[in-house]
Amino acid sequence: RITTRERPAEALAGDLTWRMTLDAEHPSSIYSSVESAIYNARKLRDYVSPEAWSVLHRLLGRLDSFRRHGEKAKPRHARAQTAAAVAVVLEDANAFLATADRTMLHDSGWHFLRIGLHLERAIMTCSALRHVLSSSTTAVVADPLREAPRDNPELSALLRMLGSQDAYRRLYQTRSRPRQVADFFLRQPAAPRSLFHNLAAIADALRAIDVAPDEAAPVEAAVSGLLNRLRDLNLARDGNGSSSPSKVTGELFSTLLNDLGSFHPLLSDHYFSHQARVTGITTP
């Protein structure tokens, strides 16, 4: 049995992996997130197709089985349960999205679901980029684009984590380089995990929602403005003359994250609340 005293790093890593994967008490674990999805789907049972419901319910059942076996197993076997659980989530989450796409009514509720999915994906991509590309060892604006002797391990891990390694290789036909990885995830319209692709999908969903023009215009303008900024972005040019490329990159991703975070209250105010429609009210 691995103990914290004997092998502290491995024991702590295993504990963290368990907490983020199958710990039912951890609010951010995969297990808890699927439980929340089941709860929300149950509240909207009339709108969720039987086929999509069965996929989601099956996923929770499989995770529950892994959790029960992992709690009784030794740490070595518990790690095997978490690895298997992650593989199942990747499989069934995609199965749920595909099944829902083919069996659910594509009305306004569906488009809002897609907006939330693409907004969350864009935020997760931007957060990962800020963590990896803001370090001095992978400075984007300082990248000379010369042939590196080998792949940058952090960039390769980032591409694999975001399920984009094959797409990156197809587009650039080269090793992982900071500026090209940044351009891929920021501006590549054909890459499903890029900010540009997800913002364009949000813009399409907003146009498909039938609302009054004055309600949609501010949100559409905010999305369009960010898309235009990404189109005009030039990391080499914008970082020119800076003595700290990593600082430039960190500020860029922080700004993008703030902009993405502002979409939630904007959507809420203009589509789900009266706040943005109250006009002509003055305070004494």
C-alpha atoms as a PDB file:
ATOM      1  CA  ARG A   1       0.000   0.000   0.000  1.00  0.00           C
ATOM      2  CA  ILE A   2       1.336   3.429  -0.970  1.00  0.00           C
ATOM      3  CA  THR A   3       1.428   5.827   1.963  1.00  0.00           C
ATOM      4  CA  THR A   4       2.140   9.529   2.102  1.00  0.00           C
ATOM      5  CA  ARG A   5       5.193   8.846   4.270  1.00  0.00           C
ATOM      6  CA  GLU A   6       6.756   6.319   1.853  1.00  0.00           C
ATOM      7  CA  ARG A   7       6.002   7.979  -1.489  1.00  0.00           C
ATOM      8  CA  PRO A   8       4.387  11.351  -0.796  1.00  0.00           C
ATOM      9  CA  ALA A   9       4.198  12.692  -4.356  1.00  0.00           C
ATOM     10  CA  GLU A  10       2.571   9.568  -5.770  1.00  0.00           C
ATOM     11  CA  ALA A  11       0.162   9.215  -2.870  1.00  0.00           C
ATOM     12  CA  LEU A  12      -0.935  12.846  -3.062  1.00  0.00           C
ATOM     13  CA  ALA A  13      -1.332  12.662  -6.848  1.00  0.00           C
ATOM     14  CA  GLY A  14      -3.479   9.555  -6.491  1.00  0.00           C
ATOM     15  CA  ASP A  15      -5.634  11.221  -3.838  1.00  0.00           C
ATOM     16  CA  LEU A  16      -6.122  14.326  -5.986  1.00  0.00           C
ATOM     17  CA  THR A  17      -7.009  12.216  -9.018  1.00  0.00           C
ATOM     18  CA  TRP A  18      -9.606  10.335  -6.983  1.00  0.00           C
ATOM     19  CA  ARG A  19     -11.111  13.551  -5.601  1.00  0.00           C
ATOM     20  CA  MET A  20     -11.434  15.129  -9.048  1.00  0.00           C
ATOM     21  CA  THR A  21     -12.811  11.962 -10.641  1.00  0.00           C
ATOM     22  CA  LEU A  22     -14.983   9.766  -8.394  1.00  0.00           C
ATOM     23  CA  ASP A  23     -15.298  11.565  -5.043  1.00  0.00           C
ATOM     24  CA  ALA A  24     -19.038  12.028  -4.521  1.00  0.00           C
ATOM     25  CA  GLU A  25     -18.389  14.643  -1.799  1.00  0.00           C
ATOM     26  CA  HIS A  26     -16.254  16.892  -4.002  1.00  0.00           C
ATOM     27  CA  PRO A  27     -18.523  19.411  -5.790  1.00  0.00           C
ATOM     28  CA  SER A  28     -16.187  19.725  -8.788  1.00  0.00           C
ATOM     29  CA  SER A  29     -15.507  16.028  -9.346  1.00  0.00           C
ATOM     30  CA  ILE A  30     -16.585  14.294 -12.543  1.00  0.00           C
ATOM     31  CA  TYR A  31     -18.980  12.126 -10.530  1.00  0.00           C
ATOM     32  CA  SER A  32     -20.642  15.157  -8.918  1.00  0.00           C
ATOM     33  CA  SER A  33     -20.873  16.927 -12.278  1.00  0.00           C
ATOM     34  CA  VAL A  34     -22.662  13.961 -13.841  1.00  0.00           C
ATOM     35  CA  GLU A  35     -24.976  13.808 -10.816  1.00  0.00           C
ATOM     36  CA  SER A  36     -25.805  17.487 -11.379  1.00  0.00           C
ATOM     37  CA  ALA A  37     -26.462  16.813 -15.058  1.00  0.00           C
ATOM     38  CA  ILE A  38     -28.855  13.992 -14.094  1.00  0.00           C
ATOM     39  CA  TYR A  39     -30.614  16.303 -11.629  1.00  0.00           C
ATOM     40  CA  ASN A  40     -31.034  19.021 -14.267  1.00  0.00           C
ATOM     41  CA  ALA A  41     -32.182  16.516 -16.889  1.00  0.00           C
ATOM     42  CA  ARG A  42     -34.757  15.148 -14.448  1.00  0.00           C
ATOM     43  CA  LYS A  43     -36.131  18.668 -13.933  1.00  0.00           C
ATOM     44  CA  LEU A  44     -36.461  19.008 -17.715  1.00  0.00           C
ATOM     45  CA  ARG A  45     -37.574  15.442 -18.332  1.00  0.00           C
ATOM     46  CA  ASP A  46     -40.279  16.487 -20.822  1.00  0.00           C
ATOM     47  CA  TYR A  47     -37.634  18.102 -23.038  1.00  0.00           C
ATOM     48  CA  VAL A  48     -34.966  15.383 -22.893  1.00  0.00           C
ATOM     49  CA  SER A  49     -35.501  12.522 -25.345  1.00  0.00           C
ATOM     50  CA  PRO A  50     -35.685   8.968 -23.920  1.00  0.00           C
ATOM     51  CA  GLU A  51     -32.599   8.016 -25.933  1.00  0.00           C
ATOM     52  CA  ALA A  52     -30.511  10.878 -24.536  1.00  0.00           C
ATOM     53  CA  TRP A  53     -31.796  10.208 -21.005  1.00  0.00           C
ATOM     54  CA  SER A  54     -30.767   6.550 -21.191  1.00  0.00           C
ATOM     55  CA  VAL A  55     -27.204   7.441 -22.217  1.00  0.00           C
ATOM     56  CA  LEU A  56     -26.863   9.934 -19.353  1.00  0.00           C
ATOM     57  CA  HIS A  57     -28.371   7.546 -16.810  1.00  0.00           C
ATOM     58  CA  ARG A  58     -26.096   4.732 -18.007  1.00  0.00           C
ATOM     59  CA  LEU A  59     -23.050   6.964 -17.511  1.00  0.00           C
ATOM     60  CA  LEU A  60     -23.944   7.683 -13.876  1.00  0.00           C
ATOM     61  CA  GLY A  61     -24.491   3.973 -13.250  1.00  0.00           C
ATOM     62  CA  ARG A  62     -21.068   3.076 -14.657  1.00  0.00           C
ATOM     63  CA  LEU A  63     -19.379   5.803 -12.614  1.00  0.00           C
ATOM     64  CA  ASP A  64     -21.188   4.646  -9.480  1.00  0.00           C
ATOM     65  CA  SER A  65     -19.823   1.143 -10.037  1.00  0.00           C
ATOM     66  CA  PHE A  66     -16.269   2.470 -10.416  1.00  0.00           C
ATOM     67  CA  ARG A  67     -16.691   4.589  -7.279  1.00  0.00           C
ATOM     68  CA  ARG A  68     -17.896   1.684  -5.115  1.00  0.00           C
ATOM     69  CA  HIS A  69     -15.085  -0.600  -6.276  1.00  0.00           C
ATOM     70  CA  GLY A  70     -12.486   2.152  -5.906  1.00  0.00           C
ATOM     71  CA  GLU A  71     -13.472   2.930  -2.314  1.00  0.00           C
ATOM     72  CA  LYS A  72     -12.852  -0.701  -1.339  1.00  0.00           C
ATOM     73  CA  ALA A  73      -9.659  -1.188  -3.358  1.00  0.00           C
ATOM     74  CA  LYS A  74      -6.050  -0.495  -2.494  1.00  0.00           C
ATOM     75  CA  PRO A  75      -4.651   2.767  -3.872  1.00  0.00           C
ATOM     76  CA  ARG A  76      -3.000   0.955  -6.778  1.00  0.00           C
ATOM     77  CA  HIS A  77      -6.329  -0.498  -7.911  1.00  0.00           C
ATOM     78  CA  ALA A  78      -8.217   2.701  -7.120  1.00  0.00           C
ATOM     79  CA  ARG A  79      -6.058   4.495  -9.687  1.00  0.00           C
ATOM     80  CA  ALA A  80      -7.123   1.910 -12.248  1.00  0.00           C
ATOM     81  CA  GLN A  81     -10.761   2.690 -11.426  1.00  0.00           C
ATOM     82  CA  THR A  82     -10.252   6.420 -11.970  1.00  0.00           C
ATOM     83  CA  ALA A  83      -8.488   5.824 -15.303  1.00  0.00           C
ATOM     84  CA  ALA A  84     -11.322   3.581 -16.460  1.00  0.00           C
ATOM     85  CA  ALA A  85     -13.883   6.150 -15.285  1.00  0.00           C
ATOM     86  CA  VAL A  86     -12.249   8.929 -17.324  1.00  0.00           C
ATOM     87  CA  ALA A  87     -12.312   6.723 -20.433  1.00  0.00           C
ATOM     88  CA  VAL A  88     -16.018   5.981 -19.870  1.00  0.00           C
ATOM     89  CA  VAL A  89     -16.849   9.673 -19.439  1.00  0.00           C
ATOM     90  CA  LEU A  90     -15.077  10.587 -22.681  1.00  0.00           C
ATOM     91  CA  GLU A  91     -17.044   7.879 -24.472  1.00  0.00           C
ATOM     92  CA  ASP A  92     -20.497   8.440 -22.979  1.00  0.00           C
ATOM     93  CA  ALA A  93     -20.364  12.245 -22.893  1.00  0.00           C
ATOM     94  CA  ASN A  94     -19.778  12.269 -26.642  1.00  0.00           C
ATOM     95  CA  ALA A  95     -22.475   9.615 -27.076  1.00  0.00           C
ATOM     96  CA  PHE A  96     -24.929  11.784 -25.124  1.00  0.00           C
ATOM     97  CA  LEU A  97     -24.213  14.891 -27.218  1.00  0.00           C
ATOM     98  CA  ALA A  98     -24.559  12.977 -30.471  1.00  0.00           C
ATOM     99  CA  THR A  99     -27.750  11.251 -29.328  1.00  0.00           C
ATOM    100  CA  ALA A 100     -29.263  14.502 -28.101  1.00  0.00           C
ATOM    101  CA  ASP A 101     -28.386  16.189 -31.383  1.00  0.00           C
ATOM    102  CA  ARG A 102     -30.258  13.512 -33.348  1.00  0.00           C
ATOM    103  CA  THR A 103     -33.272  12.986 -31.068  1.00  0.00           C
ATOM    104  CA  MET A 104     -34.092  16.290 -29.327  1.00  0.00           C
ATOM    105  CA  LEU A 105     -36.135  19.168 -30.689  1.00  0.00           C
ATOM    106  CA  HIS A 106     -33.848  21.936 -31.969  1.00  0.00           C
ATOM    107  CA  ASP A 107     -35.801  24.835 -30.509  1.00  0.00           C
ATOM    108  CA  SER A 108     -34.592  27.849 -28.520  1.00  0.00           C
ATOM    109  CA  GLY A 109     -33.779  25.656 -25.522  1.00  0.00           C
ATOM    110  CA  TRP A 110     -31.505  23.530 -27.678  1.00  0.00           C
ATOM    111  CA  HIS A 111     -29.694  26.623 -28.999  1.00  0.00           C
ATOM    112  CA  PHE A 112     -29.173  27.934 -25.470  1.00  0.00           C
ATOM    113  CA  LEU A 113     -27.733  24.526 -24.543  1.00  0.00           C
ATOM    114  CA  ARG A 114     -25.287  24.841 -27.450  1.00  0.00           C
ATOM    115  CA  ILE A 115     -24.367  28.386 -26.399  1.00  0.00           C
ATOM    116  CA  GLY A 116     -23.550  27.176 -22.894  1.00  0.00           C
ATOM    117  CA  LEU A 117     -21.533  24.243 -24.222  1.00  0.00           C
ATOM    118  CA  HIS A 118     -19.443  26.378 -26.583  1.00  0.00           C
ATOM    119  CA  LEU A 119     -18.956  29.133 -24.004  1.00  0.00           C
ATOM    120  CA  GLU A 120     -17.732  26.634 -21.406  1.00  0.00           C
ATOM    121  CA  ARG A 121     -15.427  25.016 -23.976  1.00  0.00           C
ATOM    122  CA  ALA A 122     -13.952  28.393 -24.931  1.00  0.00           C
ATOM    123  CA  ILE A 123     -13.332  29.297 -21.277  1.00  0.00           C
ATOM    124  CA  MET A 124     -11.664  25.943 -20.564  1.00  0.00           C
ATOM    125  CA  THR A 125      -9.435  26.287 -23.629  1.00  0.00           C
ATOM    126  CA  CYS A 126      -8.433  29.822 -22.701  1.00  0.00           C
ATOM    127  CA  SER A 127      -7.681  28.824 -19.104  1.00  0.00           C
ATOM    128  CA  ALA A 128      -5.466  25.950 -20.263  1.00  0.00           C
ATOM    129  CA  LEU A 129      -3.639  28.243 -22.700  1.00  0.00           C
ATOM    130  CA  ARG A 130      -2.984  30.842 -20.012  1.00  0.00           C
ATOM    131  CA  HIS A 131      -1.508  28.214 -17.712  1.00  0.00           C
ATOM    132  CA  VAL A 132       0.782  26.625 -20.302  1.00  0.00           C
ATOM    133  CA  LEU A 133       1.687  29.443 -22.685  1.00  0.00           C
ATOM    134  CA  SER A 134       2.298  32.187 -20.123  1.00  0.00           C
ATOM    135  CA  SER A 135       5.379  30.435 -18.742  1.00  0.00           C
ATOM    136  CA  SER A 136       8.772  31.736 -19.765  1.00  0.00           C
ATOM    137  CA  THR A 137       9.743  28.342 -21.208  1.00  0.00           C
ATOM    138  CA  THR A 138       6.951  28.511 -23.780  1.00  0.00           C
ATOM    139  CA  ALA A 139       6.788  32.264 -24.461  1.00  0.00           C
ATOM    140  CA  VAL A 140       4.631  32.808 -27.530  1.00  0.00           C
ATOM    141  CA  VAL A 141       5.735  36.188 -28.818  1.00  0.00           C
ATOM    142  CA  ALA A 142       9.403  35.278 -28.440  1.00  0.00           C
ATOM    143  CA  ASP A 143       9.045  32.092 -30.516  1.00  0.00           C
ATOM    144  CA  PRO A 144      11.497  32.393 -33.445  1.00  0.00           C
ATOM    145  CA  LEU A 145       9.665  29.643 -35.410  1.00  0.00           C
ATOM    146  CA  ARG A 146      12.880  27.762 -36.003  1.00  0.00           C
ATOM    147  CA  GLU A 147      12.841  23.989 -36.062  1.00  0.00           C
ATOM    148  CA  ALA A 148      13.036  22.662 -32.503  1.00  0.00           C
ATOM    149  CA  PRO A 149      14.995  19.464 -31.894  1.00  0.00           C
ATOM    150  CA  ARG A 150      11.957  17.812 -30.298  1.00  0.00           C
ATOM    151  CA  ASP A 151       8.386  18.447 -29.263  1.00  0.00           C
ATOM    152  CA  ASN A 152       7.789  20.726 -26.301  1.00  0.00           C
ATOM    153  CA  PRO A 153       6.330  18.286 -23.716  1.00  0.00           C
ATOM    154  CA  GLU A 154       4.009  20.872 -22.162  1.00  0.00           C
ATOM    155  CA  LEU A 155       2.581  21.865 -25.530  1.00  0.00           C
ATOM    156  CA  SER A 156       2.182  18.243 -26.601  1.00  0.00           C
ATOM    157  CA  ALA A 157       0.357  17.499 -23.340  1.00  0.00           C
ATOM    158  CA  LEU A 158      -1.891  20.532 -23.928  1.00  0.00           C
ATOM    159  CA  LEU A 159      -2.768  19.336 -27.442  1.00  0.00           C
ATOM    160  CA  ARG A 160      -3.555  15.840 -26.177  1.00  0.00           C
ATOM    161  CA  MET A 161      -5.570  17.147 -23.218  1.00  0.00           C
ATOM    162  CA  LEU A 162      -7.747  19.229 -25.542  1.00  0.00           C
ATOM    163  CA  GLY A 163      -8.105  16.390 -28.056  1.00  0.00           C
ATOM    164  CA  SER A 164      -6.397  18.388 -30.777  1.00  0.00           C
ATOM    165  CA  GLN A 165      -3.021  16.788 -31.445  1.00  0.00           C
ATOM    166  CA  ASP A 166      -4.059  15.137 -34.702  1.00  0.00           C
ATOM    167  CA  ALA A 167      -5.778  18.305 -35.965  1.00  0.00           C
ATOM    168  CA  TYR A 168      -2.686  20.394 -35.140  1.00  0.00           C
ATOM    169  CA  ARG A 169      -0.404  17.987 -37.013  1.00  0.00           C
ATOM    170  CA  ARG A 170      -2.702  18.008 -40.045  1.00  0.00           C
ATOM    171  CA  LEU A 171      -2.759  21.799 -40.223  1.00  0.00           C
ATOM    172  CA  TYR A 172       0.855  22.684 -39.439  1.00  0.00           C
ATOM    173  CA  GLN A 173       2.786  19.537 -40.389  1.00  0.00           C
ATOM    174  CA  THR A 174       5.358  20.302 -37.712  1.00  0.00           C
ATOM    175  CA  ARG A 175       6.291  19.849 -34.075  1.00  0.00           C
ATOM    176  CA  SER A 176       4.467  21.673 -31.308  1.00  0.00           C
ATOM    177  CA  ARG A 177       5.624  25.303 -31.219  1.00  0.00           C
ATOM    178  CA  PRO A 178       4.276  27.978 -28.879  1.00  0.00           C
ATOM    179  CA  ARG A 179       3.138  30.555 -31.425  1.00  0.00           C
ATOM    180  CA  GLN A 180       1.526  28.015 -33.706  1.00  0.00           C
ATOM    181  CA  VAL A 181      -0.233  26.265 -30.812  1.00  0.00           C
ATOM    182  CA  ALA A 182      -1.522  29.644 -29.613  1.00  0.00           C
ATOM    183  CA  ASP A 183      -2.705  30.570 -33.107  1.00  0.00           C
ATOM    184  CA  PHE A 184      -4.365  27.155 -33.472  1.00  0.00           C
ATOM    185  CA  PHE A 185      -6.387  27.470 -30.262  1.00  0.00           C
ATOM    186  CA  LEU A 186      -7.145  31.171 -30.631  1.00  0.00           C
ATOM    187  CA  ARG A 187      -7.832  31.792 -34.315  1.00  0.00           C
ATOM    188  CA  GLN A 188      -8.287  28.520 -36.219  1.00  0.00           C
ATOM    189  CA  PRO A 189     -11.950  28.445 -37.369  1.00  0.00           C
ATOM    190  CA  ALA A 190     -11.866  24.721 -38.240  1.00  0.00           C
ATOM    191  CA  ALA A 191     -10.528  23.554 -34.848  1.00  0.00           C
ATOM    192  CA  PRO A 192     -13.406  22.491 -32.519  1.00  0.00           C
ATOM    193  CA  ARG A 193     -11.521  23.619 -29.388  1.00  0.00           C
ATOM    194  CA  SER A 194     -10.432  27.034 -30.683  1.00  0.00           C
ATOM    195  CA  LEU A 195     -11.907  30.235 -29.286  1.00  0.00           C
ATOM    196  CA  PHE A 196     -12.793  31.428 -32.782  1.00  0.00           C
ATOM    197  CA  HIS A 197     -14.692  28.244 -33.656  1.00  0.00           C
ATOM    198  CA  ASN A 198     -16.685  28.284 -30.415  1.00  0.00           C
ATOM    199  CA  LEU A 199     -17.511  31.987 -30.629  1.00  0.00           C
ATOM    200  CA  ALA A 200     -18.643  31.547 -34.235  1.00  0.00           C
ATOM    201  CA  ALA A 201     -20.897  28.670 -33.102  1.00  0.00           C
ATOM    202  CA  ILE A 202     -22.336  30.916 -30.363  1.00  0.00           C
ATOM    203  CA  ALA A 203     -23.021  33.624 -32.962  1.00  0.00           C
ATOM    204  CA  ASP A 204     -24.844  31.087 -35.161  1.00  0.00           C
ATOM    205  CA  ALA A 205     -26.957  29.895 -32.211  1.00  0.00           C
ATOM    206  CA  LEU A 206     -27.870  33.466 -31.264  1.00  0.00           C
ATOM    207  CA  ARG A 207     -29.100  34.137 -34.809  1.00  0.00           C
ATOM    208  CA  ALA A 208     -31.266  31.008 -34.652  1.00  0.00           C
ATOM    209  CA  ILE A 209     -33.074  32.135 -31.481  1.00  0.00           C
ATOM    210  CA  ASP A 210     -36.278  33.996 -32.281  1.00  0.00           C
ATOM    211  CA  VAL A 211     -36.318  37.087 -30.056  1.00  0.00           C
ATOM    212  CA  ALA A 212     -36.876  40.787 -30.484  1.00  0.00           C
ATOM    213  CA  PRO A 213     -33.937  42.470 -32.297  1.00  0.00           C
ATOM    214  CA  ASP A 214     -33.238  44.862 -29.415  1.00  0.00           C
ATOM    215  CA  GLU A 215     -32.775  41.904 -27.061  1.00  0.00           C
ATOM    216  CA  ALA A 216     -30.317  40.034 -29.271  1.00  0.00           C
ATOM    217  CA  ALA A 217     -28.296  42.980 -30.598  1.00  0.00           C
ATOM    218  CA  PRO A 218     -26.092  43.691 -27.519  1.00  0.00           C
ATOM    219  CA  VAL A 219     -25.109  40.032 -27.081  1.00  0.00           C
ATOM    220  CA  GLU A 220     -24.465  39.536 -30.804  1.00  0.00           C
ATOM    221  CA  ALA A 221     -22.374  42.733 -30.848  1.00  0.00           C
ATOM    222  CA  ALA A 222     -20.218  41.497 -27.950  1.00  0.00           C
ATOM    223  CA  VAL A 223     -19.574  38.144 -29.663  1.00  0.00           C
ATOM    224  CA  SER A 224     -18.882  39.851 -32.993  1.00  0.00           C
ATOM    225  CA  GLY A 225     -16.449  42.260 -31.343  1.00  0.00           C
ATOM    226  CA  LEU A 226     -14.429  39.447 -29.803  1.00  0.00           C
ATOM    227  CA  LEU A 227     -14.395  37.537 -33.098  1.00  0.00           C
ATOM    228  CA  ASN A 228     -13.033  40.622 -34.864  1.00  0.00           C
ATOM    229  CA  ARG A 229     -10.304  40.982 -32.236  1.00  0.00           C
ATOM    230  CA  LEU A 230      -9.260  37.379 -32.787  1.00  0.00           C
ATOM    231  CA  ARG A 231      -9.206  37.900 -36.575  1.00  0.00           C
ATOM    232  CA  ASP A 232      -6.891  40.899 -36.171  1.00  0.00           C
ATOM    233  CA  LEU A 233      -4.695  39.323 -33.504  1.00  0.00           C
ATOM    234  CA  ASN A 234      -0.996  39.025 -34.352  1.00  0.00           C
ATOM    235  CA  LEU A 235       1.025  37.657 -31.450  1.00  0.00           C
ATOM    236  CA  ALA A 236       4.396  38.526 -32.983  1.00  0.00           C
ATOM    237  CA  ARG A 237       3.335  42.073 -33.862  1.00  0.00           C
ATOM    238  CA  ASP A 238       1.416  42.833 -30.649  1.00  0.00           C
ATOM    239  CA  GLY A 239       4.277  41.587 -28.485  1.00  0.00           C
ATOM    240  CA  ASN A 240       7.024  43.341 -30.428  1.00  0.00           C
ATOM    241  CA  GLY A 241       9.420  45.308 -28.280  1.00  0.00           C
ATOM    242  CA  SER A 242       8.280  43.737 -25.048  1.00  0.00           C
ATOM    243  CA  SER A 243      10.981  42.716 -22.625  1.00  0.00           C
ATOM    244  CA  SER A 244       8.654  40.103 -21.118  1.00  0.00           C
ATOM    245  CA  PRO A 245       6.855  37.989 -23.747  1.00  0.00           C
ATOM    246  CA  SER A 246       5.295  35.762 -21.099  1.00  0.00           C
ATOM    247  CA  LYS A 247       3.752  38.845 -19.461  1.00  0.00           C
ATOM    248  CA  VAL A 248       2.237  39.912 -22.778  1.00  0.00           C
ATOM    249  CA  THR A 249       0.790  36.443 -23.274  1.00  0.00           C
ATOM    250  CA  GLY A 250      -0.546  36.259 -19.710  1.00  0.00           C
ATOM    251  CA  GLU A 251      -2.268  39.642 -20.069  1.00  0.00           C
ATOM    252  CA  LEU A 252      -3.789  38.586 -23.382  1.00  0.00           C
ATOM    253  CA  PHE A 253      -5.330  35.403 -21.981  1.00  0.00           C
ATOM    254  CA  SER A 254      -6.507  37.184 -18.825  1.00  0.00           C
ATOM    255  CA  THR A 255      -8.288  39.770 -20.984  1.00  0.00           C
ATOM    256  CA  LEU A 256      -9.885  37.068 -23.119  1.00  0.00           C
ATOM    257  CA  LEU A 257     -11.052  35.189 -20.018  1.00  0.00           C
ATOM    258  CA  ASN A 258     -12.611  38.354 -18.609  1.00  0.00           C
ATOM    259  CA  ASP A 259     -14.407  38.963 -21.908  1.00  0.00           C
ATOM    260  CA  LEU A 260     -15.692  35.384 -22.039  1.00  0.00           C
ATOM    261  CA  GLY A 261     -16.830  35.609 -18.422  1.00  0.00           C
ATOM    262  CA  SER A 262     -18.851  38.732 -19.213  1.00  0.00           C
ATOM    263  CA  PHE A 263     -21.081  36.812 -21.629  1.00  0.00           C
ATOM    264  CA  HIS A 264     -22.930  34.962 -18.848  1.00  0.00           C
ATOM    265  CA  PRO A 265     -24.505  38.042 -17.176  1.00  0.00           C
ATOM    266  CA  LEU A 266     -25.066  39.565 -20.621  1.00  0.00           C
ATOM    267  CA  LEU A 267     -27.018  36.493 -21.765  1.00  0.00           C
ATOM    268  CA  SER A 268     -28.914  36.397 -18.480  1.00  0.00           C
ATOM    269  CA  ASP A 269     -29.879  40.078 -18.608  1.00  0.00           C
ATOM    270  CA  HIS A 270     -31.032  40.072 -22.218  1.00  0.00           C
ATOM    271  CA  TYR A 271     -32.736  36.679 -22.454  1.00  0.00           C
ATOM    272  CA  PHE A 272     -33.754  35.484 -18.983  1.00  0.00           C
ATOM    273  CA  SER A 273     -34.278  38.671 -16.986  1.00  0.00           C
ATOM    274  CA  HIS A 274     -36.046  42.008 -17.181  1.00  0.00           C
ATOM    275  CA  GLN A 275     -32.871  43.929 -16.285  1.00  0.00           C
ATOM    276  CA  ALA A 276     -31.854  44.914 -19.811  1.00  0.00           C
ATOM    277  CA  ARG A 277     -35.411  45.863 -20.791  1.00  0.00           C
ATOM    278  CA  VAL A 278     -36.098  48.314 -17.972  1.00  0.00           C
ATOM    279  CA  THR A 279     -35.614  51.770 -19.472  1.00  0.00           C
ATOM    280  CA  GLY A 280     -36.406  55.291 -18.467  1.00  0.00           C
ATOM    281  CA  ILE A 281     -36.048  54.627 -14.758  1.00  0.00           C
ATOM    282  CA  THR A 282     -34.160  57.267 -12.821  1.00  0.00           C
ATOM    283  CA  THR A 283     -33.055  57.192  -9.245  1.00  0.00           C
ATOM    284  CA  PRO A 284     -33.519  60.151  -6.954  1.00  0.00           C
END
